[in-house]
Amino acid sequence: MTMTFNVAPAAANSDNNGTTNLEKAILAAIAEARNTCEQNGDGSPNCAVAWDIVEELQAEKSHQQQAQKRKNSLESFCDLHPEALECLIYDV
C-alpha cells in the first residue's frame, strides 16, 4: 500500500467552509487506515503504516498551527499589507 499526499501550506489552500487540503488529507488517510485495517487485520504491517501516515499528517497540521502563532504584530501586518513601507526589504 502506497499513499502520496501533496499538501501545501494550509493558509493558502482553504475552501469556503474553512477546511484545508491538509484536513481533507487527514480525513482521507483515516478512512484509508480504517479500510486497510479492516481488510488486513489490526496487527498487520499495512495497518500500522496506514496509521503512521495519519499521525504524520496530524503532526504536520500541528506544526503549521504553531508556526502561525509565532508571528509578531509586524509580521501579521506585513502578511496583510506587503506593499507597506514597514514591510519592504531592500538589498544593499
Protein backbone atom coordinates (compact mmCIF):
# COMPACT_ATOMS: atom_id res chain seq x y z
CA MET A 1 0.00 0.00 0.00
CA THR A 2 1.44 3.33 -1.04
CA MET A 3 -0.28 6.63 -0.38
CA THR A 4 1.03 10.01 -1.50
CA PHE A 5 -0.38 13.31 -0.36
CA ASN A 6 0.65 16.62 -1.87
CA VAL A 7 -0.11 19.11 0.86
CA ALA A 8 0.69 22.81 0.53
CA PRO A 9 0.58 25.32 3.38
CA ALA A 10 -2.85 25.29 4.96
CA ALA A 11 -3.47 29.03 4.86
CA ALA A 12 -3.25 29.09 1.08
CA ASN A 13 -5.49 26.10 0.49
CA SER A 14 -8.76 26.52 2.33
CA ASP A 15 -12.20 26.31 0.79
CA ASN A 16 -15.34 28.22 1.74
CA ASN A 17 -16.02 26.00 4.76
CA GLY A 18 -12.58 26.68 6.23
CA THR A 19 -11.48 23.11 5.53
CA THR A 20 -7.90 22.92 4.33
CA ASN A 21 -6.34 20.42 1.96
CA LEU A 22 -4.36 19.11 4.92
CA GLU A 23 -7.54 18.45 6.90
CA LYS A 24 -9.05 16.73 3.87
CA ALA A 25 -5.92 14.60 3.53
CA ILE A 26 -6.14 13.65 7.22
CA LEU A 27 -9.76 12.58 6.84
CA ALA A 28 -8.93 10.60 3.71
CA ALA A 29 -5.97 8.95 5.45
CA ILE A 30 -8.15 7.98 8.43
CA ALA A 31 -10.72 6.41 6.12
CA GLU A 32 -7.95 4.58 4.26
CA ALA A 33 -6.40 3.38 7.51
CA ARG A 34 -9.71 2.05 8.79
CA ASN A 35 -10.32 0.29 5.48
CA THR A 36 -6.82 -1.18 5.41
CA CYS A 37 -7.06 -2.45 8.99
CA GLU A 38 -10.48 -3.93 8.31
CA GLN A 39 -9.18 -5.83 5.28
CA ASN A 40 -5.76 -6.88 6.60
CA GLY A 41 -6.36 -7.10 10.34
CA ASP A 42 -5.41 -4.76 13.14
CA GLY A 43 -1.99 -6.33 13.65
CA SER A 44 -0.88 -6.21 10.01
CA PRO A 45 2.09 -4.12 8.86
CA ASN A 46 -0.12 -2.34 6.31
CA CYS A 47 -2.47 -1.25 9.09
CA ALA A 48 0.44 0.16 11.11
CA VAL A 49 1.76 2.03 8.07
CA ALA A 50 -1.66 3.50 7.35
CA TRP A 51 -1.98 4.84 10.90
CA ASP A 52 1.60 6.17 10.75
CA ILE A 53 0.54 8.23 7.72
CA VAL A 54 -2.38 9.64 9.70
CA GLU A 55 -0.05 10.50 12.58
CA GLU A 56 2.42 12.26 10.29
CA LEU A 57 -0.32 14.34 8.66
CA GLN A 58 -1.69 15.34 12.07
CA ALA A 59 1.81 16.31 13.22
CA GLU A 60 2.24 18.49 10.13
CA LYS A 61 -1.06 20.23 10.86
CA SER A 62 0.09 20.89 14.41
CA HIS A 63 3.43 22.29 13.20
CA GLN A 64 1.68 24.62 10.78
CA GLN A 65 -0.65 25.88 13.51
CA GLN A 66 2.27 26.58 15.84
CA ALA A 67 4.16 28.40 13.10
CA GLN A 68 1.21 30.70 12.59
CA LYS A 69 1.05 31.50 16.31
CA ARG A 70 4.68 32.61 16.44
CA LYS A 71 4.19 35.65 14.19
CA ASN A 72 4.62 39.03 15.81
CA SER A 73 2.40 42.01 15.05
CA LEU A 74 4.70 43.37 12.32
CA GLU A 75 4.75 40.01 10.53
CA SER A 76 0.98 39.80 10.68
CA PHE A 77 0.68 43.34 9.34
CA CYS A 78 3.11 42.61 6.51
CA ASP A 79 1.16 39.47 5.56
CA LEU A 80 -1.88 41.67 5.02
CA HIS A 81 -0.03 44.69 3.54
CA PRO A 82 3.19 43.54 1.83
CA GLU A 83 3.48 46.85 -0.06
CA ALA A 84 3.65 48.96 3.14
CA LEU A 85 6.89 50.84 3.78
CA GLU A 86 7.48 48.93 7.01
CA CYS A 87 7.42 45.66 5.09
CA LEU A 88 9.73 46.47 2.19
CA ILE A 89 13.06 44.67 2.14
CA TYR A 90 15.99 46.29 0.36
CA ASP A 91 19.17 44.67 -0.92
CA VAL A 92 22.16 46.80 -0.10
